Full PDB file with SEQRES, HELIX, SHEET, SSBOND, CRYST1, ORIGX, SCALE, CONECT and MASTER records, all heavy atoms in Angstrom:
SEQRES   1 A   28  ASN PHE VAL GLU TYR VAL ARG TRP PHE LEU ASP PHE PHE          
SEQRES   2 A   28  GLY MET ASN ARG ASP HIS GLN GLN LEU THR ASP ARG ALA          
SEQRES   3 A   28  GLN ALA                                                      
HELIX    1 AA1 PHE A    2  PHE A   12  1                                  11    
HELIX    2 AA2 ASN A   16  GLN A   27  1                                  12    
CRYST1    1.000    1.000    1.000  90.00  90.00  90.00 P 1           1          
ORIGX1      1.000000  0.000000  0.000000        0.00000                         
ORIGX2      0.000000  1.000000  0.000000        0.00000                         
ORIGX3      0.000000  0.000000  1.000000        0.00000                         
SCALE1      1.000000  0.000000  0.000000        0.00000                         
SCALE2      0.000000  1.000000  0.000000        0.00000                         
SCALE3      0.000000  0.000000  1.000000        0.00000                         
ATOM      1  N   ASN A   1     156.411 -45.587 -20.826  1.00  0.00           N  
ATOM      2  CA  ASN A   1     154.966 -45.372 -20.882  1.00  0.00           C  
ATOM      3  C   ASN A   1     154.621 -44.216 -21.808  1.00  0.00           C  
ATOM      4  O   ASN A   1     153.650 -44.288 -22.558  1.00  0.00           O  
ATOM      5  CB  ASN A   1     154.407 -45.116 -19.487  1.00  0.00           C  
ATOM      6  CG  ASN A   1     154.376 -46.362 -18.643  1.00  0.00           C  
ATOM      7  OD1 ASN A   1     154.372 -47.480 -19.145  1.00  0.00           O  
ATOM      8  ND2 ASN A   1     154.372 -46.178 -17.347  1.00  0.00           N  
ATOM      9  N   PHE A   2     155.431 -43.154 -21.729  1.00  0.00           N  
ATOM     10  CA  PHE A   2     155.204 -41.993 -22.572  1.00  0.00           C  
ATOM     11  C   PHE A   2     155.226 -42.383 -24.046  1.00  0.00           C  
ATOM     12  O   PHE A   2     154.335 -42.011 -24.812  1.00  0.00           O  
ATOM     13  CB  PHE A   2     156.249 -40.916 -22.278  1.00  0.00           C  
ATOM     14  CG  PHE A   2     156.189 -39.745 -23.226  1.00  0.00           C  
ATOM     15  CD1 PHE A   2     155.211 -38.780 -23.075  1.00  0.00           C  
ATOM     16  CD2 PHE A   2     157.097 -39.626 -24.264  1.00  0.00           C  
ATOM     17  CE1 PHE A   2     155.138 -37.713 -23.952  1.00  0.00           C  
ATOM     18  CE2 PHE A   2     157.031 -38.562 -25.144  1.00  0.00           C  
ATOM     19  CZ  PHE A   2     156.049 -37.598 -24.980  1.00  0.00           C  
ATOM     20  N   VAL A   3     156.241 -43.133 -24.421  1.00  0.00           N  
ATOM     21  CA  VAL A   3     156.373 -43.549 -25.815  1.00  0.00           C  
ATOM     22  C   VAL A   3     155.167 -44.377 -26.237  1.00  0.00           C  
ATOM     23  O   VAL A   3     154.630 -44.194 -27.336  1.00  0.00           O  
ATOM     24  CB  VAL A   3     157.691 -44.333 -26.034  1.00  0.00           C  
ATOM     25  CG1 VAL A   3     157.722 -44.982 -27.405  1.00  0.00           C  
ATOM     26  CG2 VAL A   3     158.886 -43.412 -25.855  1.00  0.00           C  
ATOM     27  N   GLU A   4     154.715 -45.265 -25.375  1.00  0.00           N  
ATOM     28  CA  GLU A   4     153.571 -46.117 -25.714  1.00  0.00           C  
ATOM     29  C   GLU A   4     152.319 -45.274 -25.973  1.00  0.00           C  
ATOM     30  O   GLU A   4     151.604 -45.490 -26.948  1.00  0.00           O  
ATOM     31  CB  GLU A   4     153.319 -47.117 -24.586  1.00  0.00           C  
ATOM     32  CG  GLU A   4     152.157 -48.034 -24.820  1.00  0.00           C  
ATOM     33  CD  GLU A   4     152.354 -49.032 -25.950  1.00  0.00           C  
ATOM     34  OE1 GLU A   4     153.475 -49.198 -26.437  1.00  0.00           O  
ATOM     35  OE2 GLU A   4     151.350 -49.639 -26.365  1.00  0.00           O  
ATOM     36  N   TYR A   5     152.052 -44.292 -25.123  1.00  0.00           N  
ATOM     37  CA  TYR A   5     150.851 -43.466 -25.287  1.00  0.00           C  
ATOM     38  C   TYR A   5     150.950 -42.552 -26.512  1.00  0.00           C  
ATOM     39  O   TYR A   5     149.976 -42.395 -27.257  1.00  0.00           O  
ATOM     40  CB  TYR A   5     150.582 -42.640 -24.031  1.00  0.00           C  
ATOM     41  CG  TYR A   5     150.102 -43.486 -22.879  1.00  0.00           C  
ATOM     42  CD1 TYR A   5     150.821 -43.545 -21.699  1.00  0.00           C  
ATOM     43  CD2 TYR A   5     148.934 -44.230 -22.980  1.00  0.00           C  
ATOM     44  CE1 TYR A   5     150.392 -44.333 -20.647  1.00  0.00           C  
ATOM     45  CE2 TYR A   5     148.501 -45.022 -21.937  1.00  0.00           C  
ATOM     46  CZ  TYR A   5     149.233 -45.073 -20.770  1.00  0.00           C  
ATOM     47  OH  TYR A   5     148.805 -45.848 -19.734  1.00  0.00           O  
ATOM     48  N   VAL A   6     152.107 -41.967 -26.723  1.00  0.00           N  
ATOM     49  CA  VAL A   6     152.277 -41.095 -27.890  1.00  0.00           C  
ATOM     50  C   VAL A   6     152.222 -41.924 -29.170  1.00  0.00           C  
ATOM     51  O   VAL A   6     151.615 -41.512 -30.157  1.00  0.00           O  
ATOM     52  CB  VAL A   6     153.590 -40.284 -27.799  1.00  0.00           C  
ATOM     53  CG1 VAL A   6     153.862 -39.531 -29.092  1.00  0.00           C  
ATOM     54  CG2 VAL A   6     153.531 -39.322 -26.617  1.00  0.00           C  
ATOM     55  N   ARG A   7     152.822 -43.118 -29.144  1.00  0.00           N  
ATOM     56  CA  ARG A   7     152.776 -44.005 -30.304  1.00  0.00           C  
ATOM     57  C   ARG A   7     151.333 -44.341 -30.662  1.00  0.00           C  
ATOM     58  O   ARG A   7     150.929 -44.308 -31.819  1.00  0.00           O  
ATOM     59  CB  ARG A   7     153.571 -45.291 -30.025  1.00  0.00           C  
ATOM     60  CG  ARG A   7     153.707 -46.186 -31.250  1.00  0.00           C  
ATOM     61  CD  ARG A   7     154.021 -47.614 -30.852  1.00  0.00           C  
ATOM     62  NE  ARG A   7     152.940 -48.224 -30.112  1.00  0.00           N  
ATOM     63  CZ  ARG A   7     151.804 -48.704 -30.648  1.00  0.00           C  
ATOM     64  NH1 ARG A   7     151.586 -48.622 -31.923  1.00  0.00           N  
ATOM     65  NH2 ARG A   7     150.880 -49.247 -29.886  1.00  0.00           N  
ATOM     66  N   TRP A   8     150.525 -44.634 -29.644  1.00  0.00           N  
ATOM     67  CA  TRP A   8     149.112 -44.953 -29.866  1.00  0.00           C  
ATOM     68  C   TRP A   8     148.412 -43.750 -30.499  1.00  0.00           C  
ATOM     69  O   TRP A   8     147.655 -43.896 -31.461  1.00  0.00           O  
ATOM     70  CB  TRP A   8     148.445 -45.334 -28.539  1.00  0.00           C  
ATOM     71  CG  TRP A   8     146.985 -45.615 -28.690  1.00  0.00           C  
ATOM     72  CD1 TRP A   8     146.406 -46.791 -29.057  1.00  0.00           C  
ATOM     73  CD2 TRP A   8     145.909 -44.686 -28.510  1.00  0.00           C  
ATOM     74  NE1 TRP A   8     145.034 -46.649 -29.111  1.00  0.00           N  
ATOM     75  CE2 TRP A   8     144.715 -45.369 -28.782  1.00  0.00           C  
ATOM     76  CE3 TRP A   8     145.844 -43.352 -28.147  1.00  0.00           C  
ATOM     77  CZ2 TRP A   8     143.468 -44.755 -28.693  1.00  0.00           C  
ATOM     78  CZ3 TRP A   8     144.600 -42.739 -28.066  1.00  0.00           C  
ATOM     79  CH2 TRP A   8     143.439 -43.450 -28.346  1.00  0.00           C  
ATOM     80  N   PHE A   9     148.664 -42.557 -29.980  1.00  0.00           N  
ATOM     81  CA  PHE A   9     148.059 -41.337 -30.508  1.00  0.00           C  
ATOM     82  C   PHE A   9     148.440 -41.127 -31.972  1.00  0.00           C  
ATOM     83  O   PHE A   9     147.574 -40.867 -32.814  1.00  0.00           O  
ATOM     84  CB  PHE A   9     148.509 -40.133 -29.655  1.00  0.00           C  
ATOM     85  CG  PHE A   9     148.031 -38.809 -30.169  1.00  0.00           C  
ATOM     86  CD1 PHE A   9     146.774 -38.335 -29.843  1.00  0.00           C  
ATOM     87  CD2 PHE A   9     148.837 -38.039 -30.990  1.00  0.00           C  
ATOM     88  CE1 PHE A   9     146.324 -37.116 -30.319  1.00  0.00           C  
ATOM     89  CE2 PHE A   9     148.404 -36.818 -31.478  1.00  0.00           C  
ATOM     90  CZ  PHE A   9     147.139 -36.354 -31.132  1.00  0.00           C  
ATOM     91  N   LEU A  10     149.726 -41.239 -32.259  1.00  0.00           N  
ATOM     92  CA  LEU A  10     150.197 -41.046 -33.627  1.00  0.00           C  
ATOM     93  C   LEU A  10     149.593 -42.075 -34.573  1.00  0.00           C  
ATOM     94  O   LEU A  10     149.192 -41.748 -35.693  1.00  0.00           O  
ATOM     95  CB  LEU A  10     151.726 -41.110 -33.674  1.00  0.00           C  
ATOM     96  CG  LEU A  10     152.469 -39.990 -32.937  1.00  0.00           C  
ATOM     97  CD1 LEU A  10     153.961 -40.294 -32.899  1.00  0.00           C  
ATOM     98  CD2 LEU A  10     152.201 -38.632 -33.557  1.00  0.00           C  
ATOM     99  N   ASP A  11     149.508 -43.312 -34.131  1.00  0.00           N  
ATOM    100  CA  ASP A  11     148.928 -44.381 -34.935  1.00  0.00           C  
ATOM    101  C   ASP A  11     147.448 -44.114 -35.194  1.00  0.00           C  
ATOM    102  O   ASP A  11     146.966 -44.255 -36.309  1.00  0.00           O  
ATOM    103  CB  ASP A  11     149.130 -45.722 -34.225  1.00  0.00           C  
ATOM    104  CG  ASP A  11     148.688 -46.891 -35.075  1.00  0.00           C  
ATOM    105  OD1 ASP A  11     149.090 -46.958 -36.250  1.00  0.00           O  
ATOM    106  OD2 ASP A  11     147.943 -47.744 -34.549  1.00  0.00           O  
ATOM    107  N   PHE A  12     146.744 -43.697 -34.154  1.00  0.00           N  
ATOM    108  CA  PHE A  12     145.306 -43.458 -34.255  1.00  0.00           C  
ATOM    109  C   PHE A  12     145.002 -42.374 -35.293  1.00  0.00           C  
ATOM    110  O   PHE A  12     144.031 -42.477 -36.035  1.00  0.00           O  
ATOM    111  CB  PHE A  12     144.742 -43.066 -32.890  1.00  0.00           C  
ATOM    112  CG  PHE A  12     143.252 -42.909 -32.866  1.00  0.00           C  
ATOM    113  CD1 PHE A  12     142.429 -44.022 -32.770  1.00  0.00           C  
ATOM    114  CD2 PHE A  12     142.671 -41.656 -32.946  1.00  0.00           C  
ATOM    115  CE1 PHE A  12     141.052 -43.886 -32.756  1.00  0.00           C  
ATOM    116  CE2 PHE A  12     141.296 -41.509 -32.942  1.00  0.00           C  
ATOM    117  CZ  PHE A  12     140.488 -42.625 -32.841  1.00  0.00           C  
ATOM    118  N   PHE A  13     145.849 -41.340 -35.334  1.00  0.00           N  
ATOM    119  CA  PHE A  13     145.615 -40.235 -36.255  1.00  0.00           C  
ATOM    120  C   PHE A  13     146.368 -40.365 -37.572  1.00  0.00           C  
ATOM    121  O   PHE A  13     146.450 -39.419 -38.348  1.00  0.00           O  
ATOM    122  CB  PHE A  13     145.924 -38.900 -35.570  1.00  0.00           C  
ATOM    123  CG  PHE A  13     144.873 -38.520 -34.565  1.00  0.00           C  
ATOM    124  CD1 PHE A  13     145.099 -38.705 -33.214  1.00  0.00           C  
ATOM    125  CD2 PHE A  13     143.646 -38.033 -34.973  1.00  0.00           C  
ATOM    126  CE1 PHE A  13     144.125 -38.385 -32.279  1.00  0.00           C  
ATOM    127  CE2 PHE A  13     142.663 -37.704 -34.047  1.00  0.00           C  
ATOM    128  CZ  PHE A  13     142.904 -37.876 -32.706  1.00  0.00           C  
ATOM    129  N   GLY A  14     146.933 -41.549 -37.828  1.00  0.00           N  
ATOM    130  CA  GLY A  14     147.562 -41.822 -39.115  1.00  0.00           C  
ATOM    131  C   GLY A  14     148.852 -41.064 -39.361  1.00  0.00           C  
ATOM    132  O   GLY A  14     149.227 -40.842 -40.509  1.00  0.00           O  
ATOM    133  N   MET A  15     149.535 -40.702 -38.299  1.00  0.00           N  
ATOM    134  CA  MET A  15     150.792 -39.958 -38.427  1.00  0.00           C  
ATOM    135  C   MET A  15     151.943 -40.963 -38.493  1.00  0.00           C  
ATOM    136  O   MET A  15     152.755 -41.081 -37.579  1.00  0.00           O  
ATOM    137  CB  MET A  15     150.926 -38.978 -37.267  1.00  0.00           C  
ATOM    138  CG  MET A  15     149.744 -38.003 -37.199  1.00  0.00           C  
ATOM    139  SD  MET A  15     149.756 -36.975 -35.747  1.00  0.00           S  
ATOM    140  CE  MET A  15     150.879 -35.700 -36.287  1.00  0.00           C  
ATOM    141  N   ASN A  16     151.986 -41.687 -39.598  1.00  0.00           N  
ATOM    142  CA  ASN A  16     152.895 -42.825 -39.748  1.00  0.00           C  
ATOM    143  C   ASN A  16     154.371 -42.449 -39.690  1.00  0.00           C  
ATOM    144  O   ASN A  16     155.171 -43.164 -39.088  1.00  0.00           O  
ATOM    145  CB  ASN A  16     152.589 -43.578 -41.043  1.00  0.00           C  
ATOM    146  CG  ASN A  16     151.186 -44.129 -41.055  1.00  0.00           C  
ATOM    147  OD1 ASN A  16     150.642 -44.464 -40.006  1.00  0.00           O  
ATOM    148  ND2 ASN A  16     150.591 -44.206 -42.215  1.00  0.00           N  
ATOM    149  N   ARG A  17     154.745 -41.360 -40.310  1.00  0.00           N  
ATOM    150  CA  ARG A  17     156.156 -40.960 -40.317  1.00  0.00           C  
ATOM    151  C   ARG A  17     156.622 -40.636 -38.896  1.00  0.00           C  
ATOM    152  O   ARG A  17     157.674 -41.097 -38.456  1.00  0.00           O  
ATOM    153  CB  ARG A  17     156.365 -39.759 -41.238  1.00  0.00           C  
ATOM    154  CG  ARG A  17     157.820 -39.328 -41.372  1.00  0.00           C  
ATOM    155  CD  ARG A  17     158.003 -38.219 -42.413  1.00  0.00           C  
ATOM    156  NE  ARG A  17     156.982 -37.194 -42.353  1.00  0.00           N  
ATOM    157  CZ  ARG A  17     157.096 -36.047 -41.652  1.00  0.00           C  
ATOM    158  NH1 ARG A  17     158.187 -35.796 -40.990  1.00  0.00           N  
ATOM    159  NH2 ARG A  17     156.125 -35.171 -41.651  1.00  0.00           N  
ATOM    160  N   ASP A  18     155.821 -39.865 -38.172  1.00  0.00           N  
ATOM    161  CA  ASP A  18     156.164 -39.530 -36.784  1.00  0.00           C  
ATOM    162  C   ASP A  18     156.174 -40.779 -35.908  1.00  0.00           C  
ATOM    163  O   ASP A  18     157.022 -40.931 -35.034  1.00  0.00           O  
ATOM    164  CB  ASP A  18     155.180 -38.504 -36.219  1.00  0.00           C  
ATOM    165  CG  ASP A  18     155.255 -37.177 -36.949  1.00  0.00           C  
ATOM    166  OD1 ASP A  18     156.365 -36.757 -37.298  1.00  0.00           O  
ATOM    167  OD2 ASP A  18     154.188 -36.576 -37.166  1.00  0.00           O  
ATOM    168  N   HIS A  19     155.222 -41.666 -36.162  1.00  0.00           N  
ATOM    169  CA  HIS A  19     155.138 -42.930 -35.417  1.00  0.00           C  
ATOM    170  C   HIS A  19     156.412 -43.738 -35.613  1.00  0.00           C  
ATOM    171  O   HIS A  19     156.988 -44.259 -34.663  1.00  0.00           O  
ATOM    172  CB  HIS A  19     153.912 -43.708 -35.900  1.00  0.00           C  
ATOM    173  CG  HIS A  19     153.722 -45.016 -35.230  1.00  0.00           C  
ATOM    174  ND1 HIS A  19     154.351 -46.162 -35.655  1.00  0.00           N  
ATOM    175  CD2 HIS A  19     152.973 -45.357 -34.161  1.00  0.00           C  
ATOM    176  CE1 HIS A  19     153.992 -47.162 -34.891  1.00  0.00           C  
ATOM    177  NE2 HIS A  19     153.163 -46.696 -33.964  1.00  0.00           N  
ATOM    178  N   GLN A  20     156.871 -43.837 -36.860  1.00  0.00           N  
ATOM    179  CA  GLN A  20     158.069 -44.611 -37.156  1.00  0.00           C  
ATOM    180  C   GLN A  20     159.305 -43.977 -36.531  1.00  0.00           C  
ATOM    181  O   GLN A  20     160.159 -44.671 -35.988  1.00  0.00           O  
ATOM    182  CB  GLN A  20     158.263 -44.758 -38.672  1.00  0.00           C  
ATOM    183  CG  GLN A  20     159.410 -45.674 -39.041  1.00  0.00           C  
ATOM    184  CD  GLN A  20     159.237 -47.080 -38.502  1.00  0.00           C  
ATOM    185  OE1 GLN A  20     158.192 -47.691 -38.675  1.00  0.00           O  
ATOM    186  NE2 GLN A  20     160.239 -47.593 -37.814  1.00  0.00           N  
ATOM    187  N   GLN A  21     159.396 -42.653 -36.583  1.00  0.00           N  
ATOM    188  CA  GLN A  21     160.541 -41.965 -35.979  1.00  0.00           C  
ATOM    189  C   GLN A  21     160.586 -42.206 -34.470  1.00  0.00           C  
ATOM    190  O   GLN A  21     161.661 -42.450 -33.907  1.00  0.00           O  
ATOM    191  CB  GLN A  21     160.490 -40.465 -36.275  1.00  0.00           C  
ATOM    192  CG  GLN A  21     160.797 -40.123 -37.708  1.00  0.00           C  
ATOM    193  CD  GLN A  21     160.602 -38.645 -38.016  1.00  0.00           C  
ATOM    194  OE1 GLN A  21     159.949 -37.922 -37.278  1.00  0.00           O  
ATOM    195  NE2 GLN A  21     161.177 -38.210 -39.132  1.00  0.00           N  
ATOM    196  N   LEU A  22     159.446 -42.139 -33.818  1.00  0.00           N  
ATOM    197  CA  LEU A  22     159.390 -42.379 -32.381  1.00  0.00           C  
ATOM    198  C   LEU A  22     159.755 -43.824 -32.058  1.00  0.00           C  
ATOM    199  O   LEU A  22     160.503 -44.094 -31.114  1.00  0.00           O  
ATOM    200  CB  LEU A  22     157.995 -42.045 -31.836  1.00  0.00           C  
ATOM    201  CG  LEU A  22     157.798 -42.222 -30.341  1.00  0.00           C  
ATOM    202  CD1 LEU A  22     158.733 -41.304 -29.568  1.00  0.00           C  
ATOM    203  CD2 LEU A  22     156.354 -41.948 -29.970  1.00  0.00           C  
ATOM    204  N   THR A  23     159.246 -44.747 -32.845  1.00  0.00           N  
ATOM    205  CA  THR A  23     159.572 -46.163 -32.640  1.00  0.00           C  
ATOM    206  C   THR A  23     161.065 -46.400 -32.805  1.00  0.00           C  
ATOM    207  O   THR A  23     161.682 -47.102 -31.999  1.00  0.00           O  
ATOM    208  CB  THR A  23     158.766 -47.045 -33.620  1.00  0.00           C  
ATOM    209  OG1 THR A  23     157.369 -46.857 -33.372  1.00  0.00           O  
ATOM    210  CG2 THR A  23     159.110 -48.507 -33.463  1.00  0.00           C  
ATOM    211  N   ASP A  24     161.658 -45.808 -33.824  1.00  0.00           N  
ATOM    212  CA  ASP A  24     163.102 -45.965 -34.054  1.00  0.00           C  
ATOM    213  C   ASP A  24     163.911 -45.413 -32.889  1.00  0.00           C  
ATOM    214  O   ASP A  24     164.878 -46.043 -32.441  1.00  0.00           O  
ATOM    215  CB  ASP A  24     163.522 -45.263 -35.354  1.00  0.00           C  
ATOM    216  CG  ASP A  24     162.978 -45.938 -36.603  1.00  0.00           C  
ATOM    217  OD1 ASP A  24     162.526 -47.104 -36.510  1.00  0.00           O  
ATOM    218  OD2 ASP A  24     162.986 -45.289 -37.668  1.00  0.00           O  
ATOM    219  N   ARG A  25     163.531 -44.254 -32.380  1.00  0.00           N  
ATOM    220  CA  ARG A  25     164.266 -43.665 -31.252  1.00  0.00           C  
ATOM    221  C   ARG A  25     164.108 -44.509 -29.994  1.00  0.00           C  
ATOM    222  O   ARG A  25     165.058 -44.688 -29.236  1.00  0.00           O  
ATOM    223  CB  ARG A  25     163.793 -42.234 -30.995  1.00  0.00           C  
ATOM    224  CG  ARG A  25     164.238 -41.309 -32.126  1.00  0.00           C  
ATOM    225  CD  ARG A  25     163.970 -39.883 -31.843  1.00  0.00           C  
ATOM    226  NE  ARG A  25     164.958 -39.418 -30.869  1.00  0.00           N  
ATOM    227  CZ  ARG A  25     164.895 -38.247 -30.285  1.00  0.00           C  
ATOM    228  NH1 ARG A  25     163.909 -37.425 -30.562  1.00  0.00           N  
ATOM    229  NH2 ARG A  25     165.819 -37.879 -29.429  1.00  0.00           N  
ATOM    230  N   ALA A  26     162.912 -45.036 -29.781  1.00  0.00           N  
ATOM    231  CA  ALA A  26     162.679 -45.881 -28.600  1.00  0.00           C  
ATOM    232  C   ALA A  26     163.504 -47.161 -28.691  1.00  0.00           C  
ATOM    233  O   ALA A  26     164.037 -47.638 -27.688  1.00  0.00           O  
ATOM    234  CB  ALA A  26     161.195 -46.203 -28.468  1.00  0.00           C  
ATOM    235  N   GLN A  27     163.618 -47.726 -29.891  1.00  0.00           N  
ATOM    236  CA  GLN A  27     164.403 -48.948 -30.069  1.00  0.00           C  
ATOM    237  C   GLN A  27     165.878 -48.701 -29.806  1.00  0.00           C  
ATOM    238  O   GLN A  27     166.583 -49.590 -29.333  1.00  0.00           O  
ATOM    239  CB  GLN A  27     164.201 -49.520 -31.468  1.00  0.00           C  
ATOM    240  CG  GLN A  27     162.856 -50.173 -31.649  1.00  0.00           C  
ATOM    241  CD  GLN A  27     162.615 -50.624 -33.075  1.00  0.00           C  
ATOM    242  OE1 GLN A  27     163.361 -50.319 -33.979  1.00  0.00           O  
ATOM    243  NE2 GLN A  27     161.530 -51.365 -33.262  1.00  0.00           N  
ATOM    244  N   ALA A  28     166.336 -47.499 -30.086  1.00  0.00           N  
ATOM    245  CA  ALA A  28     167.749 -47.180 -29.885  1.00  0.00           C  
ATOM    246  C   ALA A  28     168.122 -47.161 -28.407  1.00  0.00           C  
ATOM    247  O   ALA A  28     169.287 -47.335 -28.059  1.00  0.00           O  
ATOM    248  CB  ALA A  28     168.071 -45.827 -30.523  1.00  0.00           C  
TER     249      ALA A  28                                                      
MASTER        0    0    0    2    0    0    0    6  248    1    0    3          
END                                                                             
């Protein structure tokens, strides 16, 4: 749940690099 909410926040504010890093770590 944490990842989902932070991902949404990062996406909303256009923080694409951080969003991708979080997505990659979650996938791992």
